[in-house]
């Protein structure tokens, strides 16, 4: 059984507030579908960037994949990944956070 999902717009607003409260400001880079859009999270760290993509873990729970790989990437690599995903799913939201340690400012199960 999967857990109930918040509408995308509400989820984005809540994690942006959480990020601000944690000293990790964020911004919406691209608005997607307000109800059911997926989300990409760009983390801007000291060593570079990482892009997280929403996935489902083996048990069906919500999780995040380090879509650009385990090591930080540069801006063109992060932008390229986001652009490719937007071609497949134009309803995606893209949000970015300042994250010196490349960890999201919200509770997230990160899978390999």
Protein backbone atom coordinates (compact mmCIF):
# COMPACT_ATOMS: atom_id res chain seq x y z
CA UNK A 1 0.00 0.00 0.00
CA UNK A 2 1.31 3.43 -0.89
CA UNK A 3 1.07 6.41 1.38
CA UNK A 4 -1.26 9.29 0.52
CA UNK A 5 0.34 12.10 -1.47
CA UNK A 6 0.09 15.82 -0.96
CA UNK A 7 -0.58 17.93 -3.99
CA UNK A 8 2.74 18.91 -5.54
CA UNK A 9 2.29 22.65 -4.98
CA UNK A 10 1.58 22.16 -1.27
CA UNK A 11 4.55 19.83 -0.85
CA UNK A 12 6.88 22.31 -2.58
CA UNK A 13 5.63 25.19 -0.43
CA UNK A 14 6.12 23.20 2.77
CA UNK A 15 9.68 22.07 1.99
CA UNK A 16 10.67 25.58 0.94
CA UNK A 17 9.45 26.84 4.33
CA UNK A 18 11.29 24.02 6.09
CA UNK A 19 14.47 24.87 4.20
CA UNK A 20 14.22 28.54 5.13
CA UNK A 21 13.67 27.57 8.77
CA UNK A 22 16.74 25.33 8.67
CA UNK A 23 18.96 28.04 7.18
CA UNK A 24 18.94 26.35 3.77
CA UNK A 25 17.03 28.74 1.54
CA UNK A 26 15.35 27.40 -1.54
CA UNK A 27 13.61 28.62 -4.64
CA UNK A 28 11.30 27.32 -7.33
CA UNK A 29 13.22 27.19 -10.60
CA UNK A 30 10.27 25.81 -12.56
CA UNK A 31 6.61 25.35 -11.70
CA UNK A 32 5.04 22.06 -12.68
CA UNK A 33 1.55 20.67 -12.42
CA UNK A 34 0.05 21.99 -9.17
CA UNK A 35 -1.74 18.76 -8.34
CA UNK A 36 0.29 15.80 -9.53
CA UNK A 37 3.59 17.08 -10.88
CA UNK A 38 6.78 15.26 -9.96
CA UNK A 39 9.65 17.11 -8.32
CA UNK A 40 13.36 17.40 -9.02
CA UNK A 41 15.45 18.88 -6.21
CA UNK A 42 18.73 20.60 -7.05
CA UNK A 43 21.13 20.79 -4.10
CA UNK A 44 23.84 23.45 -4.36
CA UNK A 45 26.78 22.47 -2.18
CA UNK A 46 30.37 23.49 -1.53
CA UNK A 47 31.77 20.92 -3.96
CA UNK A 48 29.16 21.24 -6.72
CA UNK A 49 25.57 20.22 -7.32
CA UNK A 50 23.41 17.14 -7.01
CA UNK A 51 19.96 16.51 -8.46
CA UNK A 52 17.51 14.34 -6.56
CA UNK A 53 14.62 12.68 -8.36
CA UNK A 54 11.49 11.24 -6.73
CA UNK A 55 11.29 7.45 -6.88
CA UNK A 56 9.61 4.62 -5.02
CA UNK A 57 11.70 2.28 -2.87
CA UNK A 58 11.27 -1.48 -3.17
CA UNK A 59 8.66 -1.43 -0.42
CA UNK A 60 6.61 1.26 -2.23
CA UNK A 61 7.57 4.10 0.09
CA UNK A 62 8.62 7.49 -1.23
CA UNK A 63 12.36 7.89 -1.75
CA UNK A 64 14.87 10.07 -3.58
CA UNK A 65 17.54 9.01 -6.07
CA UNK A 66 20.78 10.94 -6.53
CA UNK A 67 20.03 11.17 -10.22
CA UNK A 68 23.31 12.84 -11.16
CA UNK A 69 25.33 10.18 -9.36
CA UNK A 70 27.09 9.83 -6.02
CA UNK A 71 29.58 12.65 -6.58
CA UNK A 72 28.85 16.37 -7.08
CA UNK A 73 28.52 17.65 -10.65
CA UNK A 74 28.97 21.05 -12.25
CA UNK A 75 26.19 23.40 -13.36
CA UNK A 76 26.09 22.24 -17.01
CA UNK A 77 25.73 18.59 -15.95
CA UNK A 78 22.92 19.40 -13.51
CA UNK A 79 21.17 21.59 -16.09
CA UNK A 80 21.52 18.86 -18.72
CA UNK A 81 19.90 16.27 -16.48
CA UNK A 82 17.00 18.60 -15.62
CA UNK A 83 16.48 19.50 -19.29
CA UNK A 84 16.38 15.82 -20.32
CA UNK A 85 13.81 15.03 -17.64
CA UNK A 86 11.63 17.97 -18.66
CA UNK A 87 11.48 16.60 -22.21
CA UNK A 88 9.95 13.39 -20.79
CA UNK A 89 7.73 15.05 -18.20
CA UNK A 90 6.77 18.71 -18.77
CA UNK A 91 4.74 18.67 -15.51
CA UNK A 92 7.86 18.50 -13.30
CA UNK A 93 8.62 21.03 -10.60
CA UNK A 94 12.28 21.98 -10.18
CA UNK A 95 13.33 23.44 -6.84
CA UNK A 96 16.80 24.31 -5.58
CA UNK A 97 18.27 24.57 -2.10
CA UNK A 98 21.52 25.84 -0.67
CA UNK A 99 22.89 22.63 0.82
CA UNK A 100 26.60 22.80 1.70
CA UNK A 101 26.62 19.08 2.58
CA UNK A 102 24.43 18.09 -0.43
CA UNK A 103 21.71 16.80 1.88
CA UNK A 104 18.12 17.98 1.48
CA UNK A 105 16.56 20.19 4.16
CA UNK A 106 13.60 17.84 4.46
CA UNK A 107 13.19 14.27 5.64
CA UNK A 108 14.24 12.09 2.72
CA UNK A 109 15.04 8.44 2.23
CA UNK A 110 17.92 8.48 -0.27
CA UNK A 111 18.48 5.36 -2.35
CA UNK A 112 21.57 4.56 -4.37
